[in-house]
Amino acid sequence: MRGGERTLEAICELFPDAERFCLLHVPSSVSPTIEARPIHTSFIQHIPFSSKFYRFTLPLFPAAVEQFDLDEFDVIISTSHCVAKSVISTGRARHLSYC
């Protein structure tokens, strides 16, 4: 695992019941701690060969992050060097971004 995955793993250890949202997920590519709960993915997951050639989908990342429906959550924790910090939350949700 790389640095981003290790950061996500630490967050999952702190909040084991939290739901996980990712733009793209390759099963068994991250730790069991991360995969302990279902992972919600974006439409990028369904683009052919996106797991291998994800860099070609970079222009779609902002739209993919914005399509997640996070209205039911009070706190949103995002970690990314890219676009996760631009997640759209409702007025009541607090967004903590680790970048």
C-alpha atoms as a PDB file:
ATOM      1  CA  MET A   1       0.000   0.000   0.000  1.00  0.00           C
ATOM      2  CA  ARG A   2       1.093   3.535  -0.674  1.00  0.00           C
ATOM      3  CA  GLY A   3       0.831   6.584   1.567  1.00  0.00           C
ATOM      4  CA  GLY A   4      -2.767   7.441   0.697  1.00  0.00           C
ATOM      5  CA  GLU A   5      -3.956   3.938   1.440  1.00  0.00           C
ATOM      6  CA  ARG A   6      -2.071   3.903   4.746  1.00  0.00           C
ATOM      7  CA  THR A   7      -3.730   7.190   5.693  1.00  0.00           C
ATOM      8  CA  LEU A   8      -7.146   5.766   4.805  1.00  0.00           C
ATOM      9  CA  GLU A   9      -6.369   2.644   6.825  1.00  0.00           C
ATOM     10  CA  ALA A  10      -5.580   4.774   9.894  1.00  0.00           C
ATOM     11  CA  ILE A  11      -8.863   6.674   9.474  1.00  0.00           C
ATOM     12  CA  CYS A  12     -10.740   3.374   9.137  1.00  0.00           C
ATOM     13  CA  GLU A  13      -9.136   2.149  12.368  1.00  0.00           C
ATOM     14  CA  LEU A  14     -10.310   5.299  14.160  1.00  0.00           C
ATOM     15  CA  PHE A  15     -13.814   5.104  12.668  1.00  0.00           C
ATOM     16  CA  PRO A  16     -14.431   1.396  11.963  1.00  0.00           C
ATOM     17  CA  ASP A  17     -18.172   1.797  11.337  1.00  0.00           C
ATOM     18  CA  ALA A  18     -17.799   4.676   8.879  1.00  0.00           C
ATOM     19  CA  GLU A  19     -18.892   4.196   5.294  1.00  0.00           C
ATOM     20  CA  ARG A  20     -16.193   4.363   2.638  1.00  0.00           C
ATOM     21  CA  PHE A  21     -16.463   6.201  -0.678  1.00  0.00           C
ATOM     22  CA  CYS A  22     -13.802   5.924  -3.384  1.00  0.00           C
ATOM     23  CA  LEU A  23     -13.650   6.969  -7.004  1.00  0.00           C
ATOM     24  CA  LEU A  24     -12.300   3.557  -7.956  1.00  0.00           C
ATOM     25  CA  HIS A  25     -11.645   0.375  -5.995  1.00  0.00           C
ATOM     26  CA  VAL A  26      -9.817  -2.788  -6.992  1.00  0.00           C
ATOM     27  CA  PRO A  27     -10.871  -5.554  -4.578  1.00  0.00           C
ATOM     28  CA  SER A  28      -8.029  -7.060  -2.527  1.00  0.00           C
ATOM     29  CA  SER A  29      -5.713  -4.174  -3.463  1.00  0.00           C
ATOM     30  CA  VAL A  30      -5.909  -2.595   0.008  1.00  0.00           C
ATOM     31  CA  SER A  31      -5.843  -3.869   3.566  1.00  0.00           C
ATOM     32  CA  PRO A  32      -8.651  -5.875   5.179  1.00  0.00           C
ATOM     33  CA  THR A  33      -9.167  -2.918   7.546  1.00  0.00           C
ATOM     34  CA  ILE A  34     -10.238  -0.750   4.611  1.00  0.00           C
ATOM     35  CA  GLU A  35     -12.313  -3.514   3.037  1.00  0.00           C
ATOM     36  CA  ALA A  36     -14.041  -4.402   6.325  1.00  0.00           C
ATOM     37  CA  ARG A  37     -17.089  -2.390   5.244  1.00  0.00           C
ATOM     38  CA  PRO A  38     -18.643  -2.000   1.793  1.00  0.00           C
ATOM     39  CA  ILE A  39     -16.906   0.544  -0.421  1.00  0.00           C
ATOM     40  CA  HIS A  40     -19.115   2.857  -2.482  1.00  0.00           C
ATOM     41  CA  THR A  41     -17.508   3.700  -5.809  1.00  0.00           C
ATOM     42  CA  SER A  42     -18.191   6.330  -8.452  1.00  0.00           C
ATOM     43  CA  PHE A  43     -19.205   5.889 -12.072  1.00  0.00           C
ATOM     44  CA  ILE A  44     -15.496   5.689 -12.938  1.00  0.00           C
ATOM     45  CA  GLN A  45     -15.535   2.148 -11.535  1.00  0.00           C
ATOM     46  CA  HIS A  46     -17.716   1.128 -14.495  1.00  0.00           C
ATOM     47  CA  ILE A  47     -15.531   2.593 -17.250  1.00  0.00           C
ATOM     48  CA  PRO A  48     -13.736  -0.261 -19.035  1.00  0.00           C
ATOM     49  CA  PHE A  49     -10.061  -0.599 -18.055  1.00  0.00           C
ATOM     50  CA  SER A  50     -10.333   2.290 -15.590  1.00  0.00           C
ATOM     51  CA  SER A  51      -8.497   0.372 -12.874  1.00  0.00           C
ATOM     52  CA  LYS A  52      -5.476  -0.069 -15.125  1.00  0.00           C
ATOM     53  CA  PHE A  53      -5.584   3.245 -16.983  1.00  0.00           C
ATOM     54  CA  TYR A  54      -7.163   5.479 -14.326  1.00  0.00           C
ATOM     55  CA  ARG A  55      -4.971   8.443 -15.307  1.00  0.00           C
ATOM     56  CA  PHE A  56      -7.008   8.771 -18.490  1.00  0.00           C
ATOM     57  CA  THR A  57     -10.099   9.359 -16.348  1.00  0.00           C
ATOM     58  CA  LEU A  58      -8.534  12.217 -14.331  1.00  0.00           C
ATOM     59  CA  PRO A  59     -10.667  14.901 -16.058  1.00  0.00           C
ATOM     60  CA  LEU A  60     -13.762  13.064 -14.761  1.00  0.00           C
ATOM     61  CA  PHE A  61     -12.636  13.018 -11.107  1.00  0.00           C
ATOM     62  CA  PRO A  62     -14.323  16.301 -10.045  1.00  0.00           C
ATOM     63  CA  ALA A  63     -17.694  15.197 -11.440  1.00  0.00           C
ATOM     64  CA  ALA A  64     -17.270  11.760  -9.869  1.00  0.00           C
ATOM     65  CA  VAL A  65     -16.646  13.238  -6.411  1.00  0.00           C
ATOM     66  CA  GLU A  66     -19.628  15.560  -6.735  1.00  0.00           C
ATOM     67  CA  GLN A  67     -22.018  12.702  -7.610  1.00  0.00           C
ATOM     68  CA  PHE A  68     -21.729  11.056  -4.188  1.00  0.00           C
ATOM     69  CA  ASP A  69     -24.870  11.614  -2.107  1.00  0.00           C
ATOM     70  CA  LEU A  70     -23.556  12.443   1.375  1.00  0.00           C
ATOM     71  CA  ASP A  71     -26.631  14.259   2.699  1.00  0.00           C
ATOM     72  CA  GLU A  72     -27.240  11.765   5.519  1.00  0.00           C
ATOM     73  CA  PHE A  73     -23.840  12.322   7.152  1.00  0.00           C
ATOM     74  CA  ASP A  74     -22.953  14.789   9.899  1.00  0.00           C
ATOM     75  CA  VAL A  75     -19.192  14.537   9.362  1.00  0.00           C
ATOM     76  CA  ILE A  76     -17.290  13.865   6.154  1.00  0.00           C
ATOM     77  CA  ILE A  77     -13.598  12.991   6.324  1.00  0.00           C
ATOM     78  CA  SER A  78     -11.757  13.119   3.023  1.00  0.00           C
ATOM     79  CA  THR A  79      -8.168  12.322   2.249  1.00  0.00           C
ATOM     80  CA  SER A  80      -6.672  12.957  -1.160  1.00  0.00           C
ATOM     81  CA  HIS A  81      -3.929  14.746  -3.018  1.00  0.00           C
ATOM     82  CA  CYS A  82      -6.440  15.333  -5.780  1.00  0.00           C
ATOM     83  CA  VAL A  83     -10.173  16.083  -5.774  1.00  0.00           C
ATOM     84  CA  ALA A  84     -11.778  14.467  -2.710  1.00  0.00           C
ATOM     85  CA  LYS A  85     -11.509  17.765  -0.857  1.00  0.00           C
ATOM     86  CA  SER A  86     -14.063  19.211  -3.289  1.00  0.00           C
ATOM     87  CA  VAL A  87     -16.787  16.825  -2.140  1.00  0.00           C
ATOM     88  CA  ILE A  88     -20.176  18.515  -1.857  1.00  0.00           C
ATOM     89  CA  SER A  89     -21.724  18.347   1.586  1.00  0.00           C
ATOM     90  CA  THR A  90     -24.956  19.718   2.957  1.00  0.00           C
ATOM     91  CA  GLY A  91     -24.980  22.753   5.210  1.00  0.00           C
ATOM     92  CA  ARG A  92     -25.156  20.650   8.378  1.00  0.00           C
ATOM     93  CA  ALA A  93     -22.210  18.356   7.580  1.00  0.00           C
ATOM     94  CA  ARG A  94     -18.719  19.251   8.722  1.00  0.00           C
ATOM     95  CA  HIS A  95     -16.034  18.408   6.197  1.00  0.00           C
ATOM     96  CA  LEU A  96     -12.581  17.506   7.502  1.00  0.00           C
ATOM     97  CA  SER A  97     -10.053  17.253   4.686  1.00  0.00           C
ATOM     98  CA  TYR A  98      -6.627  15.690   5.131  1.00  0.00           C
ATOM     99  CA  CYS A  99      -4.462  16.561   2.133  1.00  0.00           C
END
